[in-house]
Amino acid sequence: LKIALACVPAAIVGVLFDDWLDEHLYN
């Protein structure tokens, strides 16, 4: 349950901004 809680921030950002991060920060 603690692991699941620790996953929440990255999961939210990953789902919502994955494509944007790939386009703008993966250089």
mmCIF file of all heavy atoms, coordinates in Angstrom:
data_MODEL
# 
_entry.id   MODEL 
# 
loop_
_atom_site.group_PDB 
_atom_site.id 
_atom_site.type_symbol 
_atom_site.label_atom_id 
_atom_site.label_alt_id 
_atom_site.label_comp_id 
_atom_site.label_asym_id 
_atom_site.label_entity_id 
_atom_site.label_seq_id 
_atom_site.pdbx_PDB_ins_code 
_atom_site.Cartn_x 
_atom_site.Cartn_y 
_atom_site.Cartn_z 
_atom_site.occupancy 
_atom_site.B_iso_or_equiv 
_atom_site.pdbx_formal_charge 
_atom_site.auth_seq_id 
_atom_site.auth_comp_id 
_atom_site.auth_asym_id 
_atom_site.auth_atom_id 
_atom_site.pdbx_PDB_model_num 
ATOM 1   N N   . LEU A 1 1  ? 0.833  -1.204 0.000   1.00 0.00 ? 1  LEU A N   1 
ATOM 2   C CA  . LEU A 1 1  ? 0.000  0.000  0.000   1.00 0.00 ? 1  LEU A CA  1 
ATOM 3   C C   . LEU A 1 1  ? 0.866  1.252  0.000   1.00 0.00 ? 1  LEU A C   1 
ATOM 4   O O   . LEU A 1 1  ? 0.548  2.251  -0.672  1.00 0.00 ? 1  LEU A O   1 
ATOM 5   C CB  . LEU A 1 1  ? -0.936 -0.008 1.202   1.00 0.00 ? 1  LEU A CB  1 
ATOM 6   C CG  . LEU A 1 1  ? -2.063 -1.057 1.175   1.00 0.00 ? 1  LEU A CG  1 
ATOM 7   C CD1 . LEU A 1 1  ? -2.834 -1.042 2.487   1.00 0.00 ? 1  LEU A CD1 1 
ATOM 8   C CD2 . LEU A 1 1  ? -3.003 -0.812 -0.006  1.00 0.00 ? 1  LEU A CD2 1 
ATOM 9   N N   . LYS A 1 2  ? 1.971  1.213  0.732   1.00 0.00 ? 2  LYS A N   1 
ATOM 10  C CA  . LYS A 1 2  ? 2.905  2.344  0.742   1.00 0.00 ? 2  LYS A CA  1 
ATOM 11  C C   . LYS A 1 2  ? 3.574  2.493  -0.625  1.00 0.00 ? 2  LYS A C   1 
ATOM 12  O O   . LYS A 1 2  ? 3.785  3.616  -1.105  1.00 0.00 ? 2  LYS A O   1 
ATOM 13  C CB  . LYS A 1 2  ? 3.953  2.149  1.835   1.00 0.00 ? 2  LYS A CB  1 
ATOM 14  C CG  . LYS A 1 2  ? 3.388  2.240  3.246   1.00 0.00 ? 2  LYS A CG  1 
ATOM 15  C CD  . LYS A 1 2  ? 4.438  1.898  4.289   1.00 0.00 ? 2  LYS A CD  1 
ATOM 16  C CE  . LYS A 1 2  ? 3.829  1.918  5.692   1.00 0.00 ? 2  LYS A CE  1 
ATOM 17  N NZ  . LYS A 1 2  ? 4.797  1.472  6.724   1.00 0.00 ? 2  LYS A NZ  1 
ATOM 18  N N   . ILE A 1 3  ? 3.890  1.370  -1.247  1.00 0.00 ? 3  ILE A N   1 
ATOM 19  C CA  . ILE A 1 3  ? 4.465  1.410  -2.593  1.00 0.00 ? 3  ILE A CA  1 
ATOM 20  C C   . ILE A 1 3  ? 3.462  2.026  -3.568  1.00 0.00 ? 3  ILE A C   1 
ATOM 21  O O   . ILE A 1 3  ? 3.823  2.856  -4.421  1.00 0.00 ? 3  ILE A O   1 
ATOM 22  C CB  . ILE A 1 3  ? 4.866  -0.009 -3.052  1.00 0.00 ? 3  ILE A CB  1 
ATOM 23  C CG1 . ILE A 1 3  ? 6.094  -0.483 -2.270  1.00 0.00 ? 3  ILE A CG1 1 
ATOM 24  C CG2 . ILE A 1 3  ? 5.142  -0.043 -4.555  1.00 0.00 ? 3  ILE A CG2 1 
ATOM 25  C CD1 . ILE A 1 3  ? 6.466  -1.932 -2.509  1.00 0.00 ? 3  ILE A CD1 1 
ATOM 26  N N   . ALA A 1 4  ? 2.199  1.618  -3.447  1.00 0.00 ? 4  ALA A N   1 
ATOM 27  C CA  . ALA A 1 4  ? 1.157  2.182  -4.317  1.00 0.00 ? 4  ALA A CA  1 
ATOM 28  C C   . ALA A 1 4  ? 1.039  3.689  -4.126  1.00 0.00 ? 4  ALA A C   1 
ATOM 29  O O   . ALA A 1 4  ? 0.908  4.446  -5.093  1.00 0.00 ? 4  ALA A O   1 
ATOM 30  C CB  . ALA A 1 4  ? -0.186 1.503  -4.026  1.00 0.00 ? 4  ALA A CB  1 
ATOM 31  N N   . LEU A 1 5  ? 1.117  4.133  -2.875  1.00 0.00 ? 5  LEU A N   1 
ATOM 32  C CA  . LEU A 1 5  ? 1.056  5.565  -2.588  1.00 0.00 ? 5  LEU A CA  1 
ATOM 33  C C   . LEU A 1 5  ? 2.236  6.297  -3.224  1.00 0.00 ? 5  LEU A C   1 
ATOM 34  O O   . LEU A 1 5  ? 2.076  7.386  -3.792  1.00 0.00 ? 5  LEU A O   1 
ATOM 35  C CB  . LEU A 1 5  ? 1.051  5.792  -1.075  1.00 0.00 ? 5  LEU A CB  1 
ATOM 36  C CG  . LEU A 1 5  ? 1.026  7.257  -0.595  1.00 0.00 ? 5  LEU A CG  1 
ATOM 37  C CD1 . LEU A 1 5  ? -0.244 7.954  -1.069  1.00 0.00 ? 5  LEU A CD1 1 
ATOM 38  C CD2 . LEU A 1 5  ? 1.136  7.318  0.925   1.00 0.00 ? 5  LEU A CD2 1 
ATOM 39  N N   . ALA A 1 6  ? 3.425  5.689  -3.141  1.00 0.00 ? 6  ALA A N   1 
ATOM 40  C CA  . ALA A 1 6  ? 4.616  6.312  -3.718  1.00 0.00 ? 6  ALA A CA  1 
ATOM 41  C C   . ALA A 1 6  ? 4.546  6.385  -5.236  1.00 0.00 ? 6  ALA A C   1 
ATOM 42  O O   . ALA A 1 6  ? 5.213  7.220  -5.853  1.00 0.00 ? 6  ALA A O   1 
ATOM 43  C CB  . ALA A 1 6  ? 5.863  5.537  -3.285  1.00 0.00 ? 6  ALA A CB  1 
ATOM 44  N N   . CYS A 1 7  ? 3.736  5.533  -5.845  1.00 0.00 ? 7  CYS A N   1 
ATOM 45  C CA  . CYS A 1 7  ? 3.602  5.520  -7.305  1.00 0.00 ? 7  CYS A CA  1 
ATOM 46  C C   . CYS A 1 7  ? 2.698  6.636  -7.827  1.00 0.00 ? 7  CYS A C   1 
ATOM 47  O O   . CYS A 1 7  ? 2.767  6.990  -9.018  1.00 0.00 ? 7  CYS A O   1 
ATOM 48  C CB  . CYS A 1 7  ? 3.028  4.179  -7.769  1.00 0.00 ? 7  CYS A CB  1 
ATOM 49  S SG  . CYS A 1 7  ? 4.151  2.783  -7.638  1.00 0.00 ? 7  CYS A SG  1 
ATOM 50  N N   . VAL A 1 8  ? 1.849  7.176  -6.963  1.00 0.00 ? 8  VAL A N   1 
ATOM 51  C CA  . VAL A 1 8  ? 0.799  8.105  -7.411  1.00 0.00 ? 8  VAL A CA  1 
ATOM 52  C C   . VAL A 1 8  ? 1.347  9.335  -8.141  1.00 0.00 ? 8  VAL A C   1 
ATOM 53  O O   . VAL A 1 8  ? 0.873  9.662  -9.241  1.00 0.00 ? 8  VAL A O   1 
ATOM 54  C CB  . VAL A 1 8  ? -0.090 8.523  -6.224  1.00 0.00 ? 8  VAL A CB  1 
ATOM 55  C CG1 . VAL A 1 8  ? -1.033 9.658  -6.621  1.00 0.00 ? 8  VAL A CG1 1 
ATOM 56  C CG2 . VAL A 1 8  ? -0.890 7.327  -5.723  1.00 0.00 ? 8  VAL A CG2 1 
ATOM 57  N N   . PRO A 1 9  ? 2.335  10.064 -7.568  1.00 0.00 ? 9  PRO A N   1 
ATOM 58  C CA  . PRO A 1 9  ? 2.791  11.276 -8.272  1.00 0.00 ? 9  PRO A CA  1 
ATOM 59  C C   . PRO A 1 9  ? 3.291  11.016 -9.687  1.00 0.00 ? 9  PRO A C   1 
ATOM 60  O O   . PRO A 1 9  ? 2.879  11.706 -10.635 1.00 0.00 ? 9  PRO A O   1 
ATOM 61  C CB  . PRO A 1 9  ? 3.921  11.797 -7.362  1.00 0.00 ? 9  PRO A CB  1 
ATOM 62  C CG  . PRO A 1 9  ? 3.594  11.263 -6.018  1.00 0.00 ? 9  PRO A CG  1 
ATOM 63  C CD  . PRO A 1 9  ? 3.008  9.910  -6.260  1.00 0.00 ? 9  PRO A CD  1 
ATOM 64  N N   . ALA A 1 10 ? 4.164  10.015 -9.851  1.00 0.00 ? 10 ALA A N   1 
ATOM 65  C CA  . ALA A 1 10 ? 4.715  9.721  -11.173 1.00 0.00 ? 10 ALA A CA  1 
ATOM 66  C C   . ALA A 1 10 ? 3.644  9.182  -12.111 1.00 0.00 ? 10 ALA A C   1 
ATOM 67  O O   . ALA A 1 10 ? 3.664  9.461  -13.318 1.00 0.00 ? 10 ALA A O   1 
ATOM 68  C CB  . ALA A 1 10 ? 5.865  8.727  -11.063 1.00 0.00 ? 10 ALA A CB  1 
ATOM 69  N N   . ALA A 1 11 ? 2.699  8.416  -11.564 1.00 0.00 ? 11 ALA A N   1 
ATOM 70  C CA  . ALA A 1 11 ? 1.632  7.862  -12.398 1.00 0.00 ? 11 ALA A CA  1 
ATOM 71  C C   . ALA A 1 11 ? 0.758  8.969  -12.965 1.00 0.00 ? 11 ALA A C   1 
ATOM 72  O O   . ALA A 1 11 ? 0.402  8.953  -14.149 1.00 0.00 ? 11 ALA A O   1 
ATOM 73  C CB  . ALA A 1 11 ? 0.793  6.885  -11.580 1.00 0.00 ? 11 ALA A CB  1 
ATOM 74  N N   . ILE A 1 12 ? 0.407  9.933  -12.136 1.00 0.00 ? 12 ILE A N   1 
ATOM 75  C CA  . ILE A 1 12 ? -0.434 11.047 -12.601 1.00 0.00 ? 12 ILE A CA  1 
ATOM 76  C C   . ILE A 1 12 ? 0.272  11.836 -13.701 1.00 0.00 ? 12 ILE A C   1 
ATOM 77  O O   . ILE A 1 12 ? -0.295 12.118 -14.761 1.00 0.00 ? 12 ILE A O   1 
ATOM 78  C CB  . ILE A 1 12 ? -0.789 11.975 -11.425 1.00 0.00 ? 12 ILE A CB  1 
ATOM 79  C CG1 . ILE A 1 12 ? -1.705 11.247 -10.431 1.00 0.00 ? 12 ILE A CG1 1 
ATOM 80  C CG2 . ILE A 1 12 ? -1.461 13.249 -11.932 1.00 0.00 ? 12 ILE A CG2 1 
ATOM 81  C CD1 . ILE A 1 12 ? -1.995 12.045 -9.176  1.00 0.00 ? 12 ILE A CD1 1 
ATOM 82  N N   . VAL A 1 13 ? 1.523  12.174 -13.445 1.00 0.00 ? 13 VAL A N   1 
ATOM 83  C CA  . VAL A 1 13 ? 2.289  12.942 -14.436 1.00 0.00 ? 13 VAL A CA  1 
ATOM 84  C C   . VAL A 1 13 ? 2.507  12.121 -15.706 1.00 0.00 ? 13 VAL A C   1 
ATOM 85  O O   . VAL A 1 13 ? 2.403  12.645 -16.823 1.00 0.00 ? 13 VAL A O   1 
ATOM 86  C CB  . VAL A 1 13 ? 3.643  13.378 -13.837 1.00 0.00 ? 13 VAL A CB  1 
ATOM 87  C CG1 . VAL A 1 13 ? 4.540  13.984 -14.918 1.00 0.00 ? 13 VAL A CG1 1 
ATOM 88  C CG2 . VAL A 1 13 ? 3.424  14.376 -12.722 1.00 0.00 ? 13 VAL A CG2 1 
ATOM 89  N N   . GLY A 1 14 ? 2.799  10.833 -15.545 1.00 0.00 ? 14 GLY A N   1 
ATOM 90  C CA  . GLY A 1 14 ? 3.035  9.978  -16.704 1.00 0.00 ? 14 GLY A CA  1 
ATOM 91  C C   . GLY A 1 14 ? 1.817  9.857  -17.606 1.00 0.00 ? 14 GLY A C   1 
ATOM 92  O O   . GLY A 1 14 ? 1.929  9.961  -18.839 1.00 0.00 ? 14 GLY A O   1 
ATOM 93  N N   . VAL A 1 15 ? 0.666  9.645  -17.015 1.00 0.00 ? 15 VAL A N   1 
ATOM 94  C CA  . VAL A 1 15 ? -0.559 9.487  -17.792 1.00 0.00 ? 15 VAL A CA  1 
ATOM 95  C C   . VAL A 1 15 ? -0.955 10.801 -18.473 1.00 0.00 ? 15 VAL A C   1 
ATOM 96  O O   . VAL A 1 15 ? -1.355 10.822 -19.646 1.00 0.00 ? 15 VAL A O   1 
ATOM 97  C CB  . VAL A 1 15 ? -1.708 8.982  -16.902 1.00 0.00 ? 15 VAL A CB  1 
ATOM 98  C CG1 . VAL A 1 15 ? -3.031 9.023  -17.655 1.00 0.00 ? 15 VAL A CG1 1 
ATOM 99  C CG2 . VAL A 1 15 ? -1.423 7.562  -16.425 1.00 0.00 ? 15 VAL A CG2 1 
ATOM 100 N N   . LEU A 1 16 ? -0.841 11.913 -17.754 1.00 0.00 ? 16 LEU A N   1 
ATOM 101 C CA  . LEU A 1 16 ? -1.317 13.200 -18.276 1.00 0.00 ? 16 LEU A CA  1 
ATOM 102 C C   . LEU A 1 16 ? -0.322 13.881 -19.213 1.00 0.00 ? 16 LEU A C   1 
ATOM 103 O O   . LEU A 1 16 ? -0.723 14.567 -20.167 1.00 0.00 ? 16 LEU A O   1 
ATOM 104 C CB  . LEU A 1 16 ? -1.642 14.142 -17.115 1.00 0.00 ? 16 LEU A CB  1 
ATOM 105 C CG  . LEU A 1 16 ? -2.789 13.718 -16.193 1.00 0.00 ? 16 LEU A CG  1 
ATOM 106 C CD1 . LEU A 1 16 ? -2.980 14.750 -15.090 1.00 0.00 ? 16 LEU A CD1 1 
ATOM 107 C CD2 . LEU A 1 16 ? -4.084 13.538 -16.987 1.00 0.00 ? 16 LEU A CD2 1 
ATOM 108 N N   . PHE A 1 17 ? 0.988  13.698 -18.935 1.00 0.00 ? 17 PHE A N   1 
ATOM 109 C CA  . PHE A 1 17 ? 1.973  14.505 -19.664 1.00 0.00 ? 17 PHE A CA  1 
ATOM 110 C C   . PHE A 1 17 ? 3.058  13.688 -20.371 1.00 0.00 ? 17 PHE A C   1 
ATOM 111 O O   . PHE A 1 17 ? 4.087  14.233 -20.765 1.00 0.00 ? 17 PHE A O   1 
ATOM 112 C CB  . PHE A 1 17 ? 2.654  15.477 -18.689 1.00 0.00 ? 17 PHE A CB  1 
ATOM 113 C CG  . PHE A 1 17 ? 1.691  16.382 -17.971 1.00 0.00 ? 17 PHE A CG  1 
ATOM 114 C CD1 . PHE A 1 17 ? 1.385  16.175 -16.641 1.00 0.00 ? 17 PHE A CD1 1 
ATOM 115 C CD2 . PHE A 1 17 ? 1.081  17.438 -18.632 1.00 0.00 ? 17 PHE A CD2 1 
ATOM 116 C CE1 . PHE A 1 17 ? 0.498  17.004 -15.967 1.00 0.00 ? 17 PHE A CE1 1 
ATOM 117 C CE2 . PHE A 1 17 ? 0.196  18.278 -17.974 1.00 0.00 ? 17 PHE A CE2 1 
ATOM 118 C CZ  . PHE A 1 17 ? -0.104 18.062 -16.639 1.00 0.00 ? 17 PHE A CZ  1 
ATOM 119 N N   . ASP A 1 18 ? 2.846  12.385 -20.538 1.00 0.00 ? 18 ASP A N   1 
ATOM 120 C CA  . ASP A 1 18 ? 3.871  11.526 -21.135 1.00 0.00 ? 18 ASP A CA  1 
ATOM 121 C C   . ASP A 1 18 ? 4.321  12.028 -22.503 1.00 0.00 ? 18 ASP A C   1 
ATOM 122 O O   . ASP A 1 18 ? 5.515  12.172 -22.771 1.00 0.00 ? 18 ASP A O   1 
ATOM 123 C CB  . ASP A 1 18 ? 3.346  10.092 -21.237 1.00 0.00 ? 18 ASP A CB  1 
ATOM 124 C CG  . ASP A 1 18 ? 4.394  9.141  -21.794 1.00 0.00 ? 18 ASP A CG  1 
ATOM 125 O OD1 . ASP A 1 18 ? 5.478  9.039  -21.192 1.00 0.00 ? 18 ASP A OD1 1 
ATOM 126 O OD2 . ASP A 1 18 ? 4.136  8.504  -22.835 1.00 0.00 ? 18 ASP A OD2 1 
ATOM 127 N N   . ASP A 1 19 ? 3.366  12.317 -23.376 1.00 0.00 ? 19 ASP A N   1 
ATOM 128 C CA  . ASP A 1 19 ? 3.715  12.771 -24.729 1.00 0.00 ? 19 ASP A CA  1 
ATOM 129 C C   . ASP A 1 19 ? 4.410  14.131 -24.704 1.00 0.00 ? 19 ASP A C   1 
ATOM 130 O O   . ASP A 1 19 ? 5.367  14.365 -25.450 1.00 0.00 ? 19 ASP A O   1 
ATOM 131 C CB  . ASP A 1 19 ? 2.455  12.841 -25.607 1.00 0.00 ? 19 ASP A CB  1 
ATOM 132 C CG  . ASP A 1 19 ? 1.886  11.457 -25.897 1.00 0.00 ? 19 ASP A CG  1 
ATOM 133 O OD1 . ASP A 1 19 ? 2.660  10.487 -25.848 1.00 0.00 ? 19 ASP A OD1 1 
ATOM 134 O OD2 . ASP A 1 19 ? 0.671  11.355 -26.158 1.00 0.00 ? 19 ASP A OD2 1 
ATOM 135 N N   . TRP A 1 20 ? 3.927  15.028 -23.843 1.00 0.00 ? 20 TRP A N   1 
ATOM 136 C CA  . TRP A 1 20 ? 4.535  16.368 -23.767 1.00 0.00 ? 20 TRP A CA  1 
ATOM 137 C C   . TRP A 1 20 ? 5.968  16.272 -23.254 1.00 0.00 ? 20 TRP A C   1 
ATOM 138 O O   . TRP A 1 20 ? 6.870  16.951 -23.783 1.00 0.00 ? 20 TRP A O   1 
ATOM 139 C CB  . TRP A 1 20 ? 3.718  17.248 -22.828 1.00 0.00 ? 20 TRP A CB  1 
ATOM 140 C CG  . TRP A 1 20 ? 4.170  18.692 -22.823 1.00 0.00 ? 20 TRP A CG  1 
ATOM 141 C CD1 . TRP A 1 20 ? 3.716  19.705 -23.607 1.00 0.00 ? 20 TRP A CD1 1 
ATOM 142 C CD2 . TRP A 1 20 ? 5.216  19.256 -22.001 1.00 0.00 ? 20 TRP A CD2 1 
ATOM 143 N NE1 . TRP A 1 20 ? 4.385  20.877 -23.324 1.00 0.00 ? 20 TRP A NE1 1 
ATOM 144 C CE2 . TRP A 1 20 ? 5.323  20.629 -22.349 1.00 0.00 ? 20 TRP A CE2 1 
ATOM 145 C CE3 . TRP A 1 20 ? 6.056  18.746 -21.029 1.00 0.00 ? 20 TRP A CE3 1 
ATOM 146 C CZ2 . TRP A 1 20 ? 6.237  21.490 -21.747 1.00 0.00 ? 20 TRP A CZ2 1 
ATOM 147 C CZ3 . TRP A 1 20 ? 6.981  19.597 -20.414 1.00 0.00 ? 20 TRP A CZ3 1 
ATOM 148 C CH2 . TRP A 1 20 ? 7.058  20.946 -20.768 1.00 0.00 ? 20 TRP A CH2 1 
ATOM 149 N N   . LEU A 1 21 ? 6.201  15.441 -22.257 1.00 0.00 ? 21 LEU A N   1 
ATOM 150 C CA  . LEU A 1 21 ? 7.551  15.279 -21.719 1.00 0.00 ? 21 LEU A CA  1 
ATOM 151 C C   . LEU A 1 21 ? 8.481  14.694 -22.765 1.00 0.00 ? 21 LEU A C   1 
ATOM 152 O O   . LEU A 1 21 ? 9.632  15.136 -22.909 1.00 0.00 ? 21 LEU A O   1 
ATOM 153 C CB  . LEU A 1 21 ? 7.519  14.372 -20.475 1.00 0.00 ? 21 LEU A CB  1 
ATOM 154 C CG  . LEU A 1 21 ? 6.805  14.947 -19.249 1.00 0.00 ? 21 LEU A CG  1 
ATOM 155 C CD1 . LEU A 1 21 ? 6.683  13.891 -18.161 1.00 0.00 ? 21 LEU A CD1 1 
ATOM 156 C CD2 . LEU A 1 21 ? 7.549  16.158 -18.718 1.00 0.00 ? 21 LEU A CD2 1 
ATOM 157 N N   . ASP A 1 22 ? 7.979  13.690 -23.514 1.00 0.00 ? 22 ASP A N   1 
ATOM 158 C CA  . ASP A 1 22 ? 8.794  13.112 -24.580 1.00 0.00 ? 22 ASP A CA  1 
ATOM 159 C C   . ASP A 1 22 ? 9.192  14.158 -25.609 1.00 0.00 ? 22 ASP A C   1 
ATOM 160 O O   . ASP A 1 22 ? 10.332 14.206 -26.076 1.00 0.00 ? 22 ASP A O   1 
ATOM 161 C CB  . ASP A 1 22 ? 8.023  11.979 -25.279 1.00 0.00 ? 22 ASP A CB  1 
ATOM 162 C CG  . ASP A 1 22 ? 8.044  10.688 -24.480 1.00 0.00 ? 22 ASP A CG  1 
ATOM 163 O OD1 . ASP A 1 22 ? 8.755  10.637 -23.454 1.00 0.00 ? 22 ASP A OD1 1 
ATOM 164 O OD2 . ASP A 1 22 ? 7.355  9.736  -24.883 1.00 0.00 ? 22 ASP A OD2 1 
ATOM 165 N N   . GLU A 1 23 ? 8.248  15.016 -25.957 1.00 0.00 ? 23 GLU A N   1 
ATOM 166 C CA  . GLU A 1 23 ? 8.478  15.997 -27.022 1.00 0.00 ? 23 GLU A CA  1 
ATOM 167 C C   . GLU A 1 23 ? 9.404  17.122 -26.591 1.00 0.00 ? 23 GLU A C   1 
ATOM 168 O O   . GLU A 1 23 ? 10.233 17.595 -27.376 1.00 0.00 ? 23 GLU A O   1 
ATOM 169 C CB  . GLU A 1 23 ? 7.136  16.570 -27.480 1.00 0.00 ? 23 GLU A CB  1 
ATOM 170 C CG  . GLU A 1 23 ? 7.265  17.587 -28.606 1.00 0.00 ? 23 GLU A CG  1 
ATOM 171 C CD  . GLU A 1 23 ? 5.921  18.142 -29.049 1.00 0.00 ? 23 GLU A CD  1 
ATOM 172 O OE1 . GLU A 1 23 ? 4.889  17.638 -28.557 1.00 0.00 ? 23 GLU A OE1 1 
ATOM 173 O OE2 . GLU A 1 23 ? 5.909  19.070 -29.877 1.00 0.00 ? 23 GLU A OE2 1 
ATOM 174 N N   . HIS A 1 24 ? 9.285  17.579 -25.327 1.00 0.00 ? 24 HIS A N   1 
ATOM 175 C CA  . HIS A 1 24 ? 9.986  18.783 -24.913 1.00 0.00 ? 24 HIS A CA  1 
ATOM 176 C C   . HIS A 1 24 ? 11.232 18.540 -24.054 1.00 0.00 ? 24 HIS A C   1 
ATOM 177 O O   . HIS A 1 24 ? 12.122 19.401 -24.023 1.00 0.00 ? 24 HIS A O   1 
ATOM 178 C CB  . HIS A 1 24 ? 9.034  19.704 -24.140 1.00 0.00 ? 24 HIS A CB  1 
ATOM 179 C CG  . HIS A 1 24 ? 7.939  20.274 -24.974 1.00 0.00 ? 24 HIS A CG  1 
ATOM 180 N ND1 . HIS A 1 24 ? 6.734  19.626 -25.170 1.00 0.00 ? 24 HIS A ND1 1 
ATOM 181 C CD2 . HIS A 1 24 ? 7.862  21.439 -25.688 1.00 0.00 ? 24 HIS A CD2 1 
ATOM 182 C CE1 . HIS A 1 24 ? 5.968  20.358 -25.957 1.00 0.00 ? 24 HIS A CE1 1 
ATOM 183 N NE2 . HIS A 1 24 ? 6.616  21.461 -26.284 1.00 0.00 ? 24 HIS A NE2 1 
ATOM 184 N N   . LEU A 1 25 ? 11.299 17.431 -23.354 1.00 0.00 ? 25 LEU A N   1 
ATOM 185 C CA  . LEU A 1 25 ? 12.416 17.238 -22.430 1.00 0.00 ? 25 LEU A CA  1 
ATOM 186 C C   . LEU A 1 25 ? 13.364 16.099 -22.805 1.00 0.00 ? 25 LEU A C   1 
ATOM 187 O O   . LEU A 1 25 ? 14.468 16.029 -22.263 1.00 0.00 ? 25 LEU A O   1 
ATOM 188 C CB  . LEU A 1 25 ? 11.886 16.996 -21.009 1.00 0.00 ? 25 LEU A CB  1 
ATOM 189 C CG  . LEU A 1 25 ? 11.125 18.169 -20.376 1.00 0.00 ? 25 LEU A CG  1 
ATOM 190 C CD1 . LEU A 1 25 ? 10.714 17.835 -18.950 1.00 0.00 ? 25 LEU A CD1 1 
ATOM 191 C CD2 . LEU A 1 25 ? 11.968 19.448 -20.386 1.00 0.00 ? 25 LEU A CD2 1 
ATOM 192 N N   . TYR A 1 26 ? 12.951 15.223 -23.714 1.00 0.00 ? 26 TYR A N   1 
ATOM 193 C CA  . TYR A 1 26 ? 13.832 14.117 -24.085 1.00 0.00 ? 26 TYR A CA  1 
ATOM 194 C C   . TYR A 1 26 ? 14.798 14.558 -25.173 1.00 0.00 ? 26 TYR A C   1 
ATOM 195 O O   . TYR A 1 26 ? 14.663 14.202 -26.338 1.00 0.00 ? 26 TYR A O   1 
ATOM 196 C CB  . TYR A 1 26 ? 13.017 12.888 -24.518 1.00 0.00 ? 26 TYR A CB  1 
ATOM 197 C CG  . TYR A 1 26 ? 12.629 12.024 -23.346 1.00 0.00 ? 26 TYR A CG  1 
ATOM 198 C CD1 . TYR A 1 26 ? 11.557 12.387 -22.537 1.00 0.00 ? 26 TYR A CD1 1 
ATOM 199 C CD2 . TYR A 1 26 ? 13.339 10.885 -23.012 1.00 0.00 ? 26 TYR A CD2 1 
ATOM 200 C CE1 . TYR A 1 26 ? 11.205 11.621 -21.445 1.00 0.00 ? 26 TYR A CE1 1 
ATOM 201 C CE2 . TYR A 1 26 ? 13.001 10.104 -21.920 1.00 0.00 ? 26 TYR A CE2 1 
ATOM 202 C CZ  . TYR A 1 26 ? 11.927 10.484 -21.145 1.00 0.00 ? 26 TYR A CZ  1 
ATOM 203 O OH  . TYR A 1 26 ? 11.587 9.718  -20.055 1.00 0.00 ? 26 TYR A OH  1 
ATOM 204 N N   . ASN A 1 27 ? 15.784 15.371 -24.760 1.00 0.00 ? 27 ASN A N   1 
ATOM 205 C CA  . ASN A 1 27 ? 16.857 15.773 -25.660 1.00 0.00 ? 27 ASN A CA  1 
ATOM 206 C C   . ASN A 1 27 ? 18.170 15.725 -24.882 1.00 0.00 ? 27 ASN A C   1 
ATOM 207 O O   . ASN A 1 27 ? 18.177 15.692 -23.653 1.00 0.00 ? 27 ASN A O   1 
ATOM 208 C CB  . ASN A 1 27 ? 16.596 17.169 -26.235 1.00 0.00 ? 27 ASN A CB  1 
ATOM 209 C CG  . ASN A 1 27 ? 16.455 18.217 -25.144 1.00 0.00 ? 27 ASN A CG  1 
ATOM 210 O OD1 . ASN A 1 27 ? 17.440 18.620 -24.530 1.00 0.00 ? 27 ASN A OD1 1 
ATOM 211 N ND2 . ASN A 1 27 ? 15.224 18.654 -24.885 1.00 0.00 ? 27 ASN A ND2 1 
# 
